Protein backbone atom coordinates (compact mmCIF):
# COMPACT_ATOMS: atom_id res chain seq x y z
CA MET A 1 6.00 41.08 -27.17
CA PRO A 2 2.54 39.80 -26.28
CA THR A 3 2.18 38.00 -22.98
CA THR A 4 0.46 34.65 -22.62
CA THR A 5 -2.21 34.40 -19.97
CA LEU A 6 -4.07 31.38 -18.73
CA SER A 7 -7.80 31.31 -19.20
CA PRO A 8 -9.94 30.88 -16.05
CA ARG A 9 -10.71 27.36 -17.22
CA GLY A 10 -6.99 26.58 -17.67
CA THR A 11 -6.14 28.05 -14.28
CA THR A 12 -8.90 26.01 -12.62
CA ALA A 13 -7.76 22.80 -14.34
CA ARG A 14 -4.16 23.41 -13.28
CA SER A 15 -5.20 24.12 -9.68
CA THR A 16 -7.34 21.00 -9.63
CA THR A 17 -4.46 18.90 -10.97
CA ILE A 18 -2.13 20.25 -8.27
CA ALA A 19 -4.75 19.52 -5.59
CA LEU A 20 -5.23 15.98 -6.90
CA LYS A 21 -1.48 15.37 -6.90
CA LEU A 22 -1.23 16.64 -3.33
CA LEU A 23 -4.13 14.40 -2.29
CA MET A 24 -2.43 11.44 -3.95
CA ALA A 25 0.91 12.23 -2.29
CA VAL A 26 -0.49 12.71 1.23
CA THR A 27 -2.73 9.63 1.14
CA GLY A 28 0.17 7.64 -0.32
CA LEU A 29 2.41 8.64 2.58
CA VAL A 30 -0.35 7.61 5.00
CA PHE A 31 -0.22 4.15 3.41
CA VAL A 32 3.56 4.01 3.70
CA GLY A 33 3.33 4.72 7.42
CA TYR A 34 0.65 2.08 7.86
CA LEU A 35 2.61 -0.48 5.84
CA LEU A 36 5.70 0.01 8.01
CA LEU A 37 3.65 -0.60 11.17
CA HIS A 38 1.85 -3.55 9.60
CA MET A 39 5.17 -5.04 8.49
CA TYR A 40 6.49 -4.74 12.05
CA GLY A 41 3.43 -6.59 13.34
CA ASN A 42 3.75 -9.35 10.75
CA LEU A 43 7.38 -9.93 11.70
CA LYS A 44 6.19 -10.82 15.20
CA ALA A 45 5.27 -14.19 13.68
CA LEU A 46 8.99 -15.01 13.75
CA GLN A 47 8.82 -14.92 17.56
CA GLY A 48 6.06 -17.52 17.70
CA GLU A 49 2.35 -17.81 18.38
CA GLU A 50 2.29 -16.12 21.77
CA ALA A 51 4.19 -13.02 20.63
CA PHE A 52 2.13 -12.66 17.45
CA ASN A 53 -1.25 -13.10 19.13
CA SER A 54 -0.28 -10.85 22.03
CA TYR A 55 0.60 -8.10 19.56
CA ALA A 56 -2.73 -8.60 17.73
CA GLU A 57 -4.62 -8.38 21.02
CA HIS A 58 -2.63 -5.35 22.15
CA LEU A 59 -3.84 -3.48 19.07
CA ARG A 60 -7.41 -4.06 20.22
CA THR A 61 -6.82 -2.98 23.82
CA PHE A 62 -4.53 -0.03 23.02
CA GLY A 63 -5.80 3.19 24.60
CA GLU A 64 -8.21 1.59 27.04
CA PRO A 65 -10.12 2.91 28.93
CA MET A 66 -10.04 6.18 26.96
CA LEU A 67 -10.75 4.18 23.82
CA PRO A 68 -13.22 1.27 23.67
CA TYR A 69 -12.00 -2.24 22.87
CA GLY A 70 -10.83 -2.20 19.26
CA GLY A 71 -11.18 1.59 19.14
CA LEU A 72 -7.70 2.22 17.74
CA LEU A 73 -8.25 -0.33 14.99
CA TRP A 74 -11.49 1.34 13.95
CA ILE A 75 -9.79 4.73 13.84
CA VAL A 76 -7.04 3.25 11.66
CA ARG A 77 -9.62 1.54 9.42
CA VAL A 78 -11.57 4.76 8.90
CA VAL A 79 -8.40 6.72 8.09
CA LEU A 80 -7.26 4.00 5.68
CA LEU A 81 -10.68 3.79 4.02
CA LEU A 82 -10.78 7.54 3.47
CA SER A 83 -7.20 7.41 2.20
CA ILE A 84 -8.02 4.59 -0.23
CA VAL A 85 -11.02 6.49 -1.60
CA GLY A 86 -9.03 9.71 -1.92
CA HIS A 87 -5.98 8.02 -3.43
CA ALA A 88 -8.00 6.02 -5.96
CA TYR A 89 -10.09 9.05 -6.95
CA ALA A 90 -7.02 11.24 -7.45
CA ALA A 91 -5.14 8.50 -9.32
CA TYR A 92 -7.87 7.62 -11.80
CA THR A 93 -8.76 11.28 -12.39
CA LEU A 94 -5.14 12.19 -13.12
CA TRP A 95 -4.64 9.15 -15.35
CA SER A 96 -7.72 10.06 -17.37
CA ARG A 97 -6.20 13.49 -18.04
CA ALA A 98 -2.69 12.26 -18.81
CA GLY A 99 -3.37 11.38 -22.44
CA SER A 100 -4.28 14.96 -23.35
CA ALA A 101 -0.86 16.40 -22.47
CA ARG A 102 1.59 17.04 -25.34
CA ARG A 103 4.98 15.35 -24.93
CA THR A 104 7.90 14.24 -27.07
CA LYS A 105 7.61 10.75 -28.52
CA TYR A 106 10.15 9.25 -26.10
CA ALA A 107 8.66 10.94 -23.04
CA ALA A 108 5.18 9.93 -24.13
CA VAL A 109 6.15 6.26 -24.45
CA LYS A 110 8.03 6.25 -21.15
CA THR A 111 5.25 8.08 -19.29
CA ALA A 112 2.56 5.88 -20.82
CA ALA A 113 4.39 2.71 -19.74
CA THR A 114 4.79 3.99 -16.18
CA SER A 115 1.19 5.18 -16.10
CA GLN A 116 -0.11 1.84 -17.35
CA TRP A 117 1.90 -0.06 -14.77
CA MET A 118 0.79 2.21 -11.93
CA ARG A 119 -2.82 2.03 -13.12
CA TRP A 120 -3.10 -1.74 -13.46
CA GLY A 121 -0.70 -2.51 -10.64
CA GLY A 122 -2.68 -0.17 -8.39
CA THR A 123 -5.95 -1.79 -9.45
CA PHE A 124 -4.53 -5.24 -8.65
CA LEU A 125 -3.40 -3.97 -5.24
CA LEU A 126 -6.87 -2.56 -4.58
CA VAL A 127 -8.45 -5.95 -5.33
CA PHE A 128 -5.81 -7.66 -3.20
CA ILE A 129 -6.51 -5.32 -0.26
CA VAL A 130 -10.22 -6.20 -0.40
CA TRP A 131 -9.37 -9.92 -0.42
CA HIS A 132 -6.77 -9.44 2.33
CA LEU A 133 -9.34 -7.74 4.58
CA LEU A 134 -11.93 -10.45 3.94
CA HIS A 135 -9.32 -13.12 4.50
CA PHE A 136 -7.77 -11.95 7.77
CA THR A 137 -10.13 -9.37 9.28
CA ILE A 138 -13.76 -9.21 8.18
CA VAL A 139 -14.73 -12.84 7.42
CA LYS A 140 -11.53 -14.68 8.45
CA ILE A 141 -11.23 -17.43 5.84
CA SER A 142 -8.86 -20.38 6.02
CA PRO A 143 -8.02 -21.54 2.47
CA ASN A 144 -6.24 -24.57 3.92
CA ALA A 145 -8.53 -27.62 3.63
CA ASP A 146 -6.55 -29.39 6.37
CA LYS A 147 -6.90 -26.53 8.86
CA GLN A 148 -10.47 -25.38 9.35
CA GLY A 149 -12.74 -24.37 12.21
CA VAL A 150 -12.88 -21.72 14.91
CA ASP A 151 -9.61 -22.90 16.45
CA VAL A 152 -7.87 -21.67 13.30
CA THR A 153 -9.94 -18.66 12.20
CA ALA A 154 -10.16 -17.17 15.72
CA ASN A 155 -6.40 -17.52 16.23
CA PRO A 156 -4.47 -14.91 14.17
CA TYR A 157 -1.21 -16.88 14.22
CA LYS A 158 -2.78 -20.18 13.21
CA LEU A 159 -4.76 -18.49 10.43
CA VAL A 160 -1.63 -16.90 8.98
CA VAL A 161 0.30 -20.18 9.11
CA ALA A 162 -2.59 -22.19 7.64
CA SER A 163 -3.02 -19.68 4.82
CA PHE A 164 0.57 -19.55 3.63
CA GLU A 165 0.95 -23.31 3.70
CA VAL A 166 -1.30 -23.20 0.61
CA TRP A 167 0.83 -22.71 -2.52
CA TRP A 168 -1.61 -20.58 -4.49
CA MET A 169 -2.10 -18.24 -1.55
CA LEU A 170 1.66 -17.77 -1.40
CA LEU A 171 1.82 -17.02 -5.14
CA ILE A 172 -0.97 -14.43 -4.90
CA TYR A 173 0.83 -12.78 -2.01
CA ILE A 174 4.16 -12.72 -3.86
CA ALA A 175 2.47 -11.22 -6.93
CA ALA A 176 0.92 -8.54 -4.71
CA MET A 177 4.32 -7.78 -3.21
CA VAL A 178 5.88 -7.38 -6.68
CA ALA A 179 3.09 -4.94 -7.59
CA LEU A 180 3.55 -3.18 -4.25
CA PHE A 181 7.29 -2.81 -4.81
CA MET A 182 6.81 -1.14 -8.18
CA HIS A 183 3.99 1.03 -6.86
CA LEU A 184 5.94 2.17 -3.82
CA MET A 185 9.19 2.78 -5.68
CA HIS A 186 7.49 5.15 -8.12
CA GLY A 187 4.89 6.46 -5.68
CA VAL A 188 7.29 7.47 -2.88
CA TYR A 189 9.46 9.28 -5.44
CA SER A 190 6.43 11.01 -7.00
CA ALA A 191 5.13 12.09 -3.58
CA GLN A 192 8.46 13.78 -2.84
CA GLN A 193 8.36 15.44 -6.25
CA THR A 194 4.83 16.71 -5.64
CA LEU A 195 5.80 18.09 -2.24
CA GLY A 196 8.70 20.01 -3.80
CA TRP A 197 11.52 17.90 -2.39
CA THR A 198 13.28 17.30 -5.75
CA SER A 199 14.28 20.84 -6.66
CA SER A 200 17.92 19.98 -7.42
CA PRO A 201 19.69 17.07 -9.19
CA LYS A 202 21.00 15.87 -5.81
CA ALA A 203 17.54 16.02 -4.25
CA HIS A 204 16.10 14.27 -7.30
CA ALA A 205 18.59 11.41 -6.97
CA ARG A 206 17.98 11.22 -3.23
CA ALA A 207 14.22 10.99 -3.79
CA ARG A 208 14.66 8.07 -6.18
CA THR A 209 16.95 6.31 -3.71
CA ILE A 210 14.44 6.82 -0.89
CA GLY A 211 11.69 5.38 -3.09
CA LEU A 212 13.79 2.30 -3.85
CA VAL A 213 14.88 1.76 -0.23
CA VAL A 214 11.39 2.21 1.23
CA ALA A 215 9.87 -0.13 -1.35
CA ALA A 216 12.54 -2.80 -0.80
CA LEU A 217 12.35 -2.56 3.01
CA ILE A 218 8.58 -2.93 3.12
CA VAL A 219 8.32 -5.71 0.55
CA VAL A 220 11.17 -7.78 2.00
CA GLY A 221 9.69 -7.34 5.47
CA PHE A 222 6.28 -8.51 4.27
CA LEU A 223 7.73 -11.51 2.40
CA ILE A 224 9.80 -12.91 5.28
CA PRO A 225 6.89 -14.42 7.31
CA PRO A 226 5.01 -16.16 4.44
CA LEU A 227 8.22 -17.51 2.91
CA SER A 228 9.34 -18.72 6.34
CA ILE A 229 6.02 -20.55 6.65
CA ALA A 230 6.29 -22.00 3.15
CA PHE A 231 9.79 -23.35 3.85
CA GLY A 232 8.82 -24.77 7.25
CA LEU A 233 10.74 -22.29 9.38
CA ILE A 234 7.48 -21.24 11.04
CA ASP A 235 4.79 -23.79 11.90
């Protein structure tokens, strides 16, 4: 019986695909870690202005004098920027190759639907991240016409409260959280699959459960502060 061998081109393509999937998995897990820490910080808003602003300031002074003021934040920003670039590159490259693979009709439809959601949901999240950084970090914009000026934009707590008192800001944030939930649920599962943690039916089921739990935990945690502001529980 003749044996089937992969051509050098096929071997290279397969190796590249594996490398891209690993890059996507590792950078995705970096984001999950960051999101958990960010969620923890956001929940400080429930403790009031002093607790929230103290936490924000602590992030800037963390590691002094070994690190300069804001040094930790810049390290985090650089890591996140590199992760975003790597994750987006891997994602769009893999998606562009997905259509060439032969699958059954059912699998093709199911995979295409998931791929489309991850692609457009991920693109929406990327746009949201840019806006989020401009809004709270780089420019510091208050979309609330009744709450403007340095007293608001220079005060992290007041800026958060002013922002989520605006209905359309709340809706954008909720939409982003829905997209994040779907992205995390599938992404966390896929990362475990890529890393070889789904080798048995039990491990496969566990990976899906972990994806669901992580996604729900992060999204609910992120939604609590803005919804509390919207309903007047935080002012």
